[in-house]
């Protein structure tokens, strides 16, 4: 049985383009996903990254929701240590009131940036230690009874926006299991702990008001094109851009050529970087769909959230269409 398919849109900003361009492309991708019967589109909170425009997830979700009709939209995710639970409840409660039955809220414990970002957000790394308590506080604000005396989220209260726990380690898996929430694993860029984390989640799962049985979402990169060679070229070019950004350290960093990036990826150190993207489907729509189905079956996933990574926006839209129609 094929898994449910969803889309993770990182709202990439291509060289020479602006965030406004990225947002137009995000609308086009969401509309294509809606037409192809994808379950949801999620946007991830990143900060201080010049090529990713999805920092303000709730604002982007509101924009895309106004230009689509029924597909679910949400954060994949909000990095909760960066925010107060009340503020997030009010933001996503507002979205739920505007677009009933369409809003998801995935929550992560990572900062979505470095220490400089934490300082700019007026937060500290220690905020991550409160993540379990903050999830419960947020859940109360969105439910029927606040856990904080005298404080109600308006909007938010009674909306019951569904929560998802995101992670790439056993911590998130165990927390999702304890709280009885769906679990989404970031295998599209950090696949090492995938199988033990999913096993721990299923083993420790306790039913909740939101969820009676475990529900597992796994991430995968997808490069689907009309021809396998075209898909392979899209993957190679996208991976070079990603690796180049990882190696860049300020203006003094040399602008590595494609040949130098490829040589690095073939080195022992580079192989570790390349392995971060091993959960990737590359080929025709049929090739990619077969890989996705096999990948989901290997871990017992209920849903695969697909990050279509082609550098060109039209190619990302086509990749989503080809995967769904295969």
C-alpha atoms as a PDB file:
ATOM      1  CA  UNK A   1       0.000   0.000   0.000  1.00  0.00           C
ATOM      2  CA  UNK A   2       1.404   3.394  -0.990  1.00  0.00           C
ATOM      3  CA  UNK A   3       1.949   5.962   1.770  1.00  0.00           C
ATOM      4  CA  UNK A   4       0.198   9.303   1.965  1.00  0.00           C
ATOM      5  CA  UNK A   5       2.202  11.961   0.130  1.00  0.00           C
ATOM      6  CA  UNK A   6       2.864  15.503   1.324  1.00  0.00           C
ATOM      7  CA  UNK A   7       5.218  18.335   0.413  1.00  0.00           C
ATOM      8  CA  UNK A   8       7.863  20.198   2.402  1.00  0.00           C
ATOM      9  CA  UNK A   9       8.494  23.585   0.790  1.00  0.00           C
ATOM     10  CA  UNK A  10      11.645  25.351   1.992  1.00  0.00           C
ATOM     11  CA  UNK A  11      10.709  28.473  -0.012  1.00  0.00           C
ATOM     12  CA  UNK A  12      14.151  28.642  -1.658  1.00  0.00           C
ATOM     13  CA  UNK A  13      15.453  31.941  -3.019  1.00  0.00           C
ATOM     14  CA  UNK A  14      17.392  31.355  -6.229  1.00  0.00           C
ATOM     15  CA  UNK A  15      20.439  33.496  -7.134  1.00  0.00           C
ATOM     16  CA  UNK A  16      19.288  36.767  -8.656  1.00  0.00           C
ATOM     17  CA  UNK A  17      15.757  36.375  -7.262  1.00  0.00           C
ATOM     18  CA  UNK A  18      13.988  37.812  -4.208  1.00  0.00           C
ATOM     19  CA  UNK A  19      11.870  36.366  -1.382  1.00  0.00           C
ATOM     20  CA  UNK A  20       8.837  37.779  -3.219  1.00  0.00           C
ATOM     21  CA  UNK A  21       9.707  35.525  -6.162  1.00  0.00           C
ATOM     22  CA  UNK A  22      10.026  32.594  -3.773  1.00  0.00           C
ATOM     23  CA  UNK A  23       6.583  33.228  -2.331  1.00  0.00           C
ATOM     24  CA  UNK A  24       5.012  33.249  -5.796  1.00  0.00           C
ATOM     25  CA  UNK A  25       6.640  29.909  -6.466  1.00  0.00           C
ATOM     26  CA  UNK A  26       5.381  28.575  -3.117  1.00  0.00           C
ATOM     27  CA  UNK A  27       1.819  29.396  -4.158  1.00  0.00           C
ATOM     28  CA  UNK A  28       2.355  27.608  -7.495  1.00  0.00           C
ATOM     29  CA  UNK A  29       3.764  24.539  -5.745  1.00  0.00           C
ATOM     30  CA  UNK A  30       0.906  24.421  -3.225  1.00  0.00           C
ATOM     31  CA  UNK A  31      -1.669  24.714  -5.992  1.00  0.00           C
ATOM     32  CA  UNK A  32       0.017  21.898  -7.901  1.00  0.00           C
ATOM     33  CA  UNK A  33       0.105  19.762  -4.753  1.00  0.00           C
ATOM     34  CA  UNK A  34      -3.581  20.466  -4.169  1.00  0.00           C
ATOM     35  CA  UNK A  35      -4.462  19.469  -7.745  1.00  0.00           C
ATOM     36  CA  UNK A  36      -2.415  16.275  -7.371  1.00  0.00           C
ATOM     37  CA  UNK A  37      -4.169  15.296  -4.112  1.00  0.00           C
ATOM     38  CA  UNK A  38      -1.213  15.687  -1.771  1.00  0.00           C
ATOM     39  CA  UNK A  39      -2.296  15.672   1.883  1.00  0.00           C
ATOM     40  CA  UNK A  40      -0.483  18.788   3.103  1.00  0.00           C
ATOM     41  CA  UNK A  41       2.267  21.325   2.471  1.00  0.00           C
ATOM     42  CA  UNK A  42       4.557  22.328   5.324  1.00  0.00           C
ATOM     43  CA  UNK A  43       6.989  25.221   5.736  1.00  0.00           C
ATOM     44  CA  UNK A  44      10.032  25.162   8.021  1.00  0.00           C
ATOM     45  CA  UNK A  45      11.325  27.946  10.257  1.00  0.00           C
ATOM     46  CA  UNK A  46      14.886  28.881   9.346  1.00  0.00           C
ATOM     47  CA  UNK A  47      16.751  32.040  10.304  1.00  0.00           C
ATOM     48  CA  UNK A  48      19.773  33.861   8.917  1.00  0.00           C
ATOM     49  CA  UNK A  49      19.801  31.773   5.737  1.00  0.00           C
ATOM     50  CA  UNK A  50      19.863  33.908   2.628  1.00  0.00           C
ATOM     51  CA  UNK A  51      18.550  31.129   0.364  1.00  0.00           C
ATOM     52  CA  UNK A  52      15.521  30.135   2.514  1.00  0.00           C
ATOM     53  CA  UNK A  53      12.548  32.505   2.858  1.00  0.00           C
ATOM     54  CA  UNK A  54      10.253  30.556   5.204  1.00  0.00           C
ATOM     55  CA  UNK A  55      11.345  32.201   8.477  1.00  0.00           C
ATOM     56  CA  UNK A  56       7.878  33.567   9.328  1.00  0.00           C
ATOM     57  CA  UNK A  57       5.927  30.360   8.899  1.00  0.00           C
ATOM     58  CA  UNK A  58       2.528  31.601  10.029  1.00  0.00           C
ATOM     59  CA  UNK A  59       2.629  34.576   7.638  1.00  0.00           C
ATOM     60  CA  UNK A  60       3.623  32.384   4.692  1.00  0.00           C
ATOM     61  CA  UNK A  61       0.919  29.841   5.558  1.00  0.00           C
ATOM     62  CA  UNK A  62      -1.701  32.609   5.632  1.00  0.00           C
ATOM     63  CA  UNK A  63      -0.611  33.798   2.196  1.00  0.00           C
ATOM     64  CA  UNK A  64      -0.661  30.344   0.624  1.00  0.00           C
ATOM     65  CA  UNK A  65      -3.951  29.432   2.306  1.00  0.00           C
ATOM     66  CA  UNK A  66      -5.581  32.493   0.743  1.00  0.00           C
ATOM     67  CA  UNK A  67      -4.514  31.229  -2.690  1.00  0.00           C
ATOM     68  CA  UNK A  68      -5.579  27.584  -2.262  1.00  0.00           C
ATOM     69  CA  UNK A  69      -8.856  25.959  -1.370  1.00  0.00           C
ATOM     70  CA  UNK A  70      -8.589  22.773   0.649  1.00  0.00           C
ATOM     71  CA  UNK A  71      -5.092  21.359   1.019  1.00  0.00           C
ATOM     72  CA  UNK A  72      -3.781  21.281   4.593  1.00  0.00           C
ATOM     73  CA  UNK A  73      -1.007  23.756   5.379  1.00  0.00           C
ATOM     74  CA  UNK A  74       1.267  23.962   8.350  1.00  0.00           C
ATOM     75  CA  UNK A  75       4.646  24.369   9.924  1.00  0.00           C
ATOM     76  CA  UNK A  76       7.196  21.651   9.564  1.00  0.00           C
ATOM     77  CA  UNK A  77       8.047  23.165  11.824  1.00  0.00           C
ATOM     78  CA  UNK A  78       7.957  25.999  14.278  1.00  0.00           C
ATOM     79  CA  UNK A  79      11.125  25.937  16.399  1.00  0.00           C
ATOM     80  CA  UNK A  80       9.359  26.381  19.707  1.00  0.00           C
ATOM     81  CA  UNK A  81      12.417  27.436  21.773  1.00  0.00           C
ATOM     82  CA  UNK A  82      12.408  30.636  19.703  1.00  0.00           C
ATOM     83  CA  UNK A  83       8.909  31.630  20.809  1.00  0.00           C
ATOM     84  CA  UNK A  84       6.515  31.794  23.722  1.00  0.00           C
ATOM     85  CA  UNK A  85       3.816  29.094  23.538  1.00  0.00           C
ATOM     86  CA  UNK A  86       1.122  31.756  23.895  1.00  0.00           C
ATOM     87  CA  UNK A  87       2.326  33.700  20.847  1.00  0.00           C
ATOM     88  CA  UNK A  88       2.373  30.549  18.704  1.00  0.00           C
ATOM     89  CA  UNK A  89      -1.079  29.545  19.955  1.00  0.00           C
ATOM     90  CA  UNK A  90      -2.430  32.944  18.963  1.00  0.00           C
ATOM     91  CA  UNK A  91      -0.797  32.817  15.522  1.00  0.00           C
ATOM     92  CA  UNK A  92      -1.946  29.317  14.658  1.00  0.00           C
ATOM     93  CA  UNK A  93      -5.285  29.856  16.353  1.00  0.00           C
ATOM     94  CA  UNK A  94      -5.775  32.804  14.032  1.00  0.00           C
ATOM     95  CA  UNK A  95      -4.928  30.629  11.029  1.00  0.00           C
ATOM     96  CA  UNK A  96      -7.339  27.942  12.228  1.00  0.00           C
ATOM     97  CA  UNK A  97     -10.165  30.452  12.554  1.00  0.00           C
ATOM     98  CA  UNK A  98      -9.470  31.826   9.078  1.00  0.00           C
ATOM     99  CA  UNK A  99      -9.040  28.400   7.454  1.00  0.00           C
ATOM    100  CA  UNK A 100     -10.912  25.813   9.558  1.00  0.00           C
ATOM    101  CA  UNK A 101      -9.752  22.223   9.247  1.00  0.00           C
ATOM    102  CA  UNK A 102      -6.701  23.076   7.158  1.00  0.00           C
ATOM    103  CA  UNK A 103      -3.962  24.026   9.639  1.00  0.00           C
ATOM    104  CA  UNK A 104      -1.221  21.812  11.118  1.00  0.00           C
ATOM    105  CA  UNK A 105       1.434  22.737  13.683  1.00  0.00           C
ATOM    106  CA  UNK A 106       4.675  20.781  13.654  1.00  0.00           C
ATOM    107  CA  UNK A 107       7.058  21.581  16.505  1.00  0.00           C
ATOM    108  CA  UNK A 108      10.822  21.261  16.682  1.00  0.00           C
ATOM    109  CA  UNK A 109      13.318  21.630  19.505  1.00  0.00           C
ATOM    110  CA  UNK A 110      16.219  22.881  17.354  1.00  0.00           C
ATOM    111  CA  UNK A 111      16.947  26.619  17.286  1.00  0.00           C
ATOM    112  CA  UNK A 112      16.645  27.031  13.524  1.00  0.00           C
ATOM    113  CA  UNK A 113      19.917  28.992  13.619  1.00  0.00           C
ATOM    114  CA  UNK A 114      23.126  29.516  15.590  1.00  0.00           C
ATOM    115  CA  UNK A 115      23.936  31.373  18.831  1.00  0.00           C
ATOM    116  CA  UNK A 116      23.914  34.698  17.010  1.00  0.00           C
ATOM    117  CA  UNK A 117      20.346  33.988  15.914  1.00  0.00           C
ATOM    118  CA  UNK A 118      19.346  33.084  19.470  1.00  0.00           C
ATOM    119  CA  UNK A 119      20.744  36.407  20.673  1.00  0.00           C
ATOM    120  CA  UNK A 120      18.947  38.313  17.920  1.00  0.00           C
ATOM    121  CA  UNK A 121      15.694  36.586  18.886  1.00  0.00           C
ATOM    122  CA  UNK A 122      16.355  37.467  22.548  1.00  0.00           C
ATOM    123  CA  UNK A 123      16.434  33.764  23.444  1.00  0.00           C
ATOM    124  CA  UNK A 124      19.090  31.462  24.907  1.00  0.00           C
ATOM    125  CA  UNK A 125      20.106  27.907  23.964  1.00  0.00           C
ATOM    126  CA  UNK A 126      18.773  26.773  27.333  1.00  0.00           C
ATOM    127  CA  UNK A 127      15.260  27.464  26.055  1.00  0.00           C
ATOM    128  CA  UNK A 128      15.437  24.077  24.338  1.00  0.00           C
ATOM    129  CA  UNK A 129      15.445  22.391  27.760  1.00  0.00           C
ATOM    130  CA  UNK A 130      11.858  23.577  28.318  1.00  0.00           C
ATOM    131  CA  UNK A 131      10.582  22.066  25.066  1.00  0.00           C
ATOM    132  CA  UNK A 132       8.413  19.295  26.615  1.00  0.00           C
ATOM    133  CA  UNK A 133       6.780  21.714  29.049  1.00  0.00           C
ATOM    134  CA  UNK A 134       6.275  24.310  26.319  1.00  0.00           C
ATOM    135  CA  UNK A 135       4.570  21.743  24.073  1.00  0.00           C
ATOM    136  CA  UNK A 136       2.111  20.932  26.862  1.00  0.00           C
ATOM    137  CA  UNK A 137       1.478  24.620  27.549  1.00  0.00           C
ATOM    138  CA  UNK A 138       0.833  25.237  23.844  1.00  0.00           C
ATOM    139  CA  UNK A 139      -1.466  22.234  23.647  1.00  0.00           C
ATOM    140  CA  UNK A 140      -3.501  23.640  26.515  1.00  0.00           C
ATOM    141  CA  UNK A 141      -3.875  27.031  24.854  1.00  0.00           C
ATOM    142  CA  UNK A 142      -5.193  25.378  21.673  1.00  0.00           C
ATOM    143  CA  UNK A 143      -7.469  23.008  23.567  1.00  0.00           C
ATOM    144  CA  UNK A 144     -10.413  23.587  25.846  1.00  0.00           C
ATOM    145  CA  UNK A 145      -8.525  24.345  29.055  1.00  0.00           C
ATOM    146  CA  UNK A 146      -5.385  26.443  29.455  1.00  0.00           C
ATOM    147  CA  UNK A 147      -2.645  25.065  31.699  1.00  0.00           C
ATOM    148  CA  UNK A 148      -1.744  28.619  32.768  1.00  0.00           C
ATOM    149  CA  UNK A 149      -4.151  30.122  35.284  1.00  0.00           C
ATOM    150  CA  UNK A 150      -5.788  33.295  34.046  1.00  0.00           C
ATOM    151  CA  UNK A 151      -4.345  33.106  30.507  1.00  0.00           C
ATOM    152  CA  UNK A 152      -6.397  32.140  27.446  1.00  0.00           C
ATOM    153  CA  UNK A 153      -5.276  32.235  23.832  1.00  0.00           C
ATOM    154  CA  UNK A 154      -7.668  34.330  21.757  1.00  0.00           C
ATOM    155  CA  UNK A 155      -7.693  33.242  18.969  1.00  0.00           C
ATOM    156  CA  UNK A 156      -6.526  29.733  19.736  1.00  0.00           C
ATOM    157  CA  UNK A 157      -8.650  28.341  22.518  1.00  0.00           C
ATOM    158  CA  UNK A 158     -10.879  25.511  21.322  1.00  0.00           C
ATOM    159  CA  UNK A 159      -9.353  25.325  17.843  1.00  0.00           C
ATOM    160  CA  UNK A 160      -7.561  22.043  18.597  1.00  0.00           C
ATOM    161  CA  UNK A 161      -4.944  22.658  15.925  1.00  0.00           C
ATOM    162  CA  UNK A 162      -3.266  19.237  15.578  1.00  0.00           C
ATOM    163  CA  UNK A 163       0.292  19.098  16.883  1.00  0.00           C
ATOM    164  CA  UNK A 164       3.151  17.063  15.411  1.00  0.00           C
ATOM    165  CA  UNK A 165       6.553  16.472  16.973  1.00  0.00           C
ATOM    166  CA  UNK A 166       9.509  16.827  14.612  1.00  0.00           C
ATOM    167  CA  UNK A 167      12.910  15.365  15.230  1.00  0.00           C
ATOM    168  CA  UNK A 168      16.004  13.549  14.061  1.00  0.00           C
ATOM    169  CA  UNK A 169      16.891  11.739  17.302  1.00  0.00           C
ATOM    170  CA  UNK A 170      15.418   9.499  19.976  1.00  0.00           C
ATOM    171  CA  UNK A 171      14.436  12.499  22.111  1.00  0.00           C
ATOM    172  CA  UNK A 172      11.688  13.678  19.788  1.00  0.00           C
ATOM    173  CA  UNK A 173      10.510  10.129  19.178  1.00  0.00           C
ATOM    174  CA  UNK A 174      10.157   9.427  22.882  1.00  0.00           C
ATOM    175  CA  UNK A 175       8.390  12.735  23.552  1.00  0.00           C
ATOM    176  CA  UNK A 176       5.920  12.181  20.700  1.00  0.00           C
ATOM    177  CA  UNK A 177       5.225   8.690  22.019  1.00  0.00           C
ATOM    178  CA  UNK A 178       4.715   9.914  25.582  1.00  0.00           C
ATOM    179  CA  UNK A 179       2.315  12.670  24.492  1.00  0.00           C
ATOM    180  CA  UNK A 180       0.483  10.521  21.951  1.00  0.00           C
ATOM    181  CA  UNK A 181       1.261  12.840  19.036  1.00  0.00           C
ATOM    182  CA  UNK A 182       2.233  12.115  15.418  1.00  0.00           C
ATOM    183  CA  UNK A 183       5.976  11.955  14.811  1.00  0.00           C
ATOM    184  CA  UNK A 184       7.801  13.368  11.782  1.00  0.00           C
ATOM    185  CA  UNK A 185      11.436  12.348  11.253  1.00  0.00           C
ATOM    186  CA  UNK A 186      13.812  14.620   9.325  1.00  0.00           C
ATOM    187  CA  UNK A 187      15.317  11.838   7.229  1.00  0.00           C
ATOM    188  CA  UNK A 188      15.620  14.152   4.221  1.00  0.00           C
ATOM    189  CA  UNK A 189      18.770  15.682   5.772  1.00  0.00           C
ATOM    190  CA  UNK A 190      19.590  13.709   8.968  1.00  0.00           C
ATOM    191  CA  UNK A 191      18.783  10.043   8.321  1.00  0.00           C
ATOM    192  CA  UNK A 192      21.161   8.282  10.721  1.00  0.00           C
ATOM    193  CA  UNK A 193      18.731   7.613  13.605  1.00  0.00           C
ATOM    194  CA  UNK A 194      15.660   7.007  11.444  1.00  0.00           C
ATOM    195  CA  UNK A 195      14.987   3.353  12.191  1.00  0.00           C
ATOM    196  CA  UNK A 196      15.783   3.356  15.937  1.00  0.00           C
ATOM    197  CA  UNK A 197      13.775   6.553  16.433  1.00  0.00           C
ATOM    198  CA  UNK A 198      10.691   5.181  14.689  1.00  0.00           C
ATOM    199  CA  UNK A 199      11.018   1.919  16.640  1.00  0.00           C
ATOM    200  CA  UNK A 200      11.244   3.829  19.924  1.00  0.00           C
ATOM    201  CA  UNK A 201       8.203   5.914  18.989  1.00  0.00           C
ATOM    202  CA  UNK A 202       6.059   2.906  18.142  1.00  0.00           C
ATOM    203  CA  UNK A 203       7.200   0.949  21.205  1.00  0.00           C
ATOM    204  CA  UNK A 204       6.505   3.774  23.657  1.00  0.00           C
ATOM    205  CA  UNK A 205       3.373   5.240  22.095  1.00  0.00           C
ATOM    206  CA  UNK A 206       0.535   6.101  24.479  1.00  0.00           C
ATOM    207  CA  UNK A 207      -2.873   6.925  22.968  1.00  0.00           C
ATOM    208  CA  UNK A 208      -4.118  10.474  23.444  1.00  0.00           C
ATOM    209  CA  UNK A 209      -7.168  12.584  22.717  1.00  0.00           C
ATOM    210  CA  UNK A 210      -5.584  13.602  19.401  1.00  0.00           C
ATOM    211  CA  UNK A 211      -4.284  10.205  18.274  1.00  0.00           C
ATOM    212  CA  UNK A 212      -5.263   6.609  19.076  1.00  0.00           C
ATOM    213  CA  UNK A 213      -2.425   4.856  17.201  1.00  0.00           C
ATOM    214  CA  UNK A 214       1.136   5.814  16.201  1.00  0.00           C
ATOM    215  CA  UNK A 215       1.456   7.910  13.052  1.00  0.00           C
ATOM    216  CA  UNK A 216       4.855   8.220  11.392  1.00  0.00           C
ATOM    217  CA  UNK A 217       5.898  10.778   8.779  1.00  0.00           C
ATOM    218  CA  UNK A 218       9.331  10.523   7.159  1.00  0.00           C
ATOM    219  CA  UNK A 219      11.089  13.071   4.993  1.00  0.00           C
ATOM    220  CA  UNK A 220      12.563  12.372   1.560  1.00  0.00           C
ATOM    221  CA  UNK A 221      14.154  14.452  -1.162  1.00  0.00           C
ATOM    222  CA  UNK A 222      12.658  13.955  -4.613  1.00  0.00           C
ATOM    223  CA  UNK A 223      14.021  14.836  -8.043  1.00  0.00           C
ATOM    224  CA  UNK A 224      11.488  13.521 -10.559  1.00  0.00           C
ATOM    225  CA  UNK A 225      11.651  14.531 -14.214  1.00  0.00           C
ATOM    226  CA  UNK A 226      10.429  13.331 -17.589  1.00  0.00           C
ATOM    227  CA  UNK A 227      13.801  11.666 -18.157  1.00  0.00           C
ATOM    228  CA  UNK A 228      16.089   9.936 -15.689  1.00  0.00           C
ATOM    229  CA  UNK A 229      19.148  11.820 -16.959  1.00  0.00           C
ATOM    230  CA  UNK A 230      17.413  15.147 -16.420  1.00  0.00           C
ATOM    231  CA  UNK A 231      16.489  14.136 -12.874  1.00  0.00           C
ATOM    232  CA  UNK A 232      20.076  13.062 -12.156  1.00  0.00           C
ATOM    233  CA  UNK A 233      21.359  16.401 -13.454  1.00  0.00           C
ATOM    234  CA  UNK A 234      18.875  18.294 -11.254  1.00  0.00           C
ATOM    235  CA  UNK A 235      20.037  16.318  -8.228  1.00  0.00           C
ATOM    236  CA  UNK A 236      23.726  16.871  -8.959  1.00  0.00           C
ATOM    237  CA  UNK A 237      23.314  20.634  -9.421  1.00  0.00           C
ATOM    238  CA  UNK A 238      21.140  20.997  -6.327  1.00  0.00           C
ATOM    239  CA  UNK A 239      23.551  18.997  -4.180  1.00  0.00           C
ATOM    240  CA  UNK A 240      26.496  21.118  -5.320  1.00  0.00           C
ATOM    241  CA  UNK A 241      24.648  24.282  -4.291  1.00  0.00           C
ATOM    242  CA  UNK A 242      23.851  22.803  -0.891  1.00  0.00           C
ATOM    243  CA  UNK A 243      27.409  21.628  -0.270  1.00  0.00           C
ATOM    244  CA  UNK A 244      28.837  24.947  -1.480  1.00  0.00           C
ATOM    245  CA  UNK A 245      26.683  26.795   1.057  1.00  0.00           C
ATOM    246  CA  UNK A 246      27.844  24.425   3.815  1.00  0.00           C
ATOM    247  CA  UNK A 247      31.494  25.091   2.975  1.00  0.00           C
ATOM    248  CA  UNK A 248      31.132  28.862   2.656  1.00  0.00           C
ATOM    249  CA  UNK A 249      32.459  30.758   5.666  1.00  0.00           C
ATOM    250  CA  UNK A 250      32.189  34.459   4.975  1.00  0.00           C
ATOM    251  CA  UNK A 251      33.257  36.588   2.030  1.00  0.00           C
ATOM    252  CA  UNK A 252      36.823  35.284   2.165  1.00  0.00           C
ATOM    253  CA  UNK A 253      35.751  31.746   1.298  1.00  0.00           C
ATOM    254  CA  UNK A 254      36.749  30.825  -2.269  1.00  0.00           C
ATOM    255  CA  UNK A 255      33.944  30.201  -4.757  1.00  0.00           C
ATOM    256  CA  UNK A 256      34.476  26.476  -5.285  1.00  0.00           C
ATOM    257  CA  UNK A 257      33.995  25.181  -8.822  1.00  0.00           C
ATOM    258  CA  UNK A 258      31.673  22.283  -9.652  1.00  0.00           C
ATOM    259  CA  UNK A 259      34.703  20.059 -10.174  1.00  0.00           C
ATOM    260  CA  UNK A 260      36.070  20.964  -6.735  1.00  0.00           C
ATOM    261  CA  UNK A 261      32.688  20.259  -5.107  1.00  0.00           C
ATOM    262  CA  UNK A 262      32.464  16.883  -6.856  1.00  0.00           C
ATOM    263  CA  UNK A 263      36.014  16.034  -5.742  1.00  0.00           C
ATOM    264  CA  UNK A 264      35.112  16.956  -2.159  1.00  0.00           C
ATOM    265  CA  UNK A 265      32.007  14.742  -2.274  1.00  0.00           C
ATOM    266  CA  UNK A 266      34.198  11.830  -3.367  1.00  0.00           C
ATOM    267  CA  UNK A 267      36.569  12.328  -0.412  1.00  0.00           C
ATOM    268  CA  UNK A 268      36.072  10.546   2.946  1.00  0.00           C
ATOM    269  CA  UNK A 269      34.896  13.783   4.578  1.00  0.00           C
ATOM    270  CA  UNK A 270      32.660  14.609   1.629  1.00  0.00           C
ATOM    271  CA  UNK A 271      31.080  11.165   1.635  1.00  0.00           C
ATOM    272  CA  UNK A 272      29.721  11.933   5.107  1.00  0.00           C
ATOM    273  CA  UNK A 273      28.131  15.110   3.778  1.00  0.00           C
ATOM    274  CA  UNK A 274      26.724  13.285   0.762  1.00  0.00           C
ATOM    275  CA  UNK A 275      25.277  10.648   3.066  1.00  0.00           C
ATOM    276  CA  UNK A 276      23.047  13.298   4.638  1.00  0.00           C
ATOM    277  CA  UNK A 277      20.997  13.179   1.425  1.00  0.00           C
ATOM    278  CA  UNK A 278      20.855   9.421   1.040  1.00  0.00           C
ATOM    279  CA  UNK A 279      17.068   9.440   1.473  1.00  0.00           C
ATOM    280  CA  UNK A 280      16.576  10.807  -2.025  1.00  0.00           C
ATOM    281  CA  UNK A 281      14.511   9.606  -4.978  1.00  0.00           C
ATOM    282  CA  UNK A 282      15.978  10.427  -8.390  1.00  0.00           C
ATOM    283  CA  UNK A 283      14.513   9.465 -11.767  1.00  0.00           C
ATOM    284  CA  UNK A 284      11.298   9.479 -13.725  1.00  0.00           C
ATOM    285  CA  UNK A 285       8.003   9.822 -11.910  1.00  0.00           C
ATOM    286  CA  UNK A 286       7.637   6.035 -11.866  1.00  0.00           C
ATOM    287  CA  UNK A 287      11.219   5.591 -10.603  1.00  0.00           C
ATOM    288  CA  UNK A 288      10.723   8.131  -7.837  1.00  0.00           C
ATOM    289  CA  UNK A 289       7.356   6.704  -6.790  1.00  0.00           C
ATOM    290  CA  UNK A 290       8.766   3.170  -6.590  1.00  0.00           C
ATOM    291  CA  UNK A 291      11.636   4.436  -4.430  1.00  0.00           C
ATOM    292  CA  UNK A 292       9.286   6.406  -2.147  1.00  0.00           C
ATOM    293  CA  UNK A 293       6.962   3.418  -1.692  1.00  0.00           C
ATOM    294  CA  UNK A 294       9.880   1.114  -0.874  1.00  0.00           C
ATOM    295  CA  UNK A 295      11.389   3.674   1.501  1.00  0.00           C
ATOM    296  CA  UNK A 296       8.105   4.084   3.377  1.00  0.00           C
ATOM    297  CA  UNK A 297       7.653   0.323   3.628  1.00  0.00           C
ATOM    298  CA  UNK A 298      11.191  -0.137   4.976  1.00  0.00           C
ATOM    299  CA  UNK A 299      10.394   1.966   8.036  1.00  0.00           C
ATOM    300  CA  UNK A 300       6.639   1.369   8.251  1.00  0.00           C
ATOM    301  CA  UNK A 301       5.846   5.024   7.584  1.00  0.00           C
ATOM    302  CA  UNK A 302       2.268   6.198   7.184  1.00  0.00           C
ATOM    303  CA  UNK A 303       3.259   9.297   5.213  1.00  0.00           C
ATOM    304  CA  UNK A 304       6.221  10.616   3.245  1.00  0.00           C
ATOM    305  CA  UNK A 305       6.739  14.356   3.156  1.00  0.00           C
ATOM    306  CA  UNK A 306       8.669  15.126   0.003  1.00  0.00           C
ATOM    307  CA  UNK A 307      11.124  17.980  -0.489  1.00  0.00           C
ATOM    308  CA  UNK A 308      11.380  18.639  -4.219  1.00  0.00           C
ATOM    309  CA  UNK A 309      14.854  20.076  -4.510  1.00  0.00           C
ATOM    310  CA  UNK A 310      15.340  21.149  -8.126  1.00  0.00           C
ATOM    311  CA  UNK A 311      16.876  24.605  -8.422  1.00  0.00           C
ATOM    312  CA  UNK A 312      14.241  25.784 -10.895  1.00  0.00           C
ATOM    313  CA  UNK A 313      10.748  26.452  -9.531  1.00  0.00           C
ATOM    314  CA  UNK A 314       9.006  24.961 -12.578  1.00  0.00           C
ATOM    315  CA  UNK A 315      11.024  21.779 -12.164  1.00  0.00           C
ATOM    316  CA  UNK A 316       9.968  21.511  -8.500  1.00  0.00           C
ATOM    317  CA  UNK A 317       6.328  21.790  -9.505  1.00  0.00           C
ATOM    318  CA  UNK A 318       6.775  19.213 -12.258  1.00  0.00           C
ATOM    319  CA  UNK A 319       8.563  16.860  -9.854  1.00  0.00           C
ATOM    320  CA  UNK A 320       5.613  16.985  -7.454  1.00  0.00           C
ATOM    321  CA  UNK A 321       3.169  16.326 -10.266  1.00  0.00           C
ATOM    322  CA  UNK A 322       5.149  13.434 -11.708  1.00  0.00           C
ATOM    323  CA  UNK A 323       5.562  11.732  -8.343  1.00  0.00           C
ATOM    324  CA  UNK A 324       1.871  11.925  -7.516  1.00  0.00           C
ATOM    325  CA  UNK A 325       0.693  10.770 -10.931  1.00  0.00           C
ATOM    326  CA  UNK A 326       3.054   7.779 -11.225  1.00  0.00           C
END
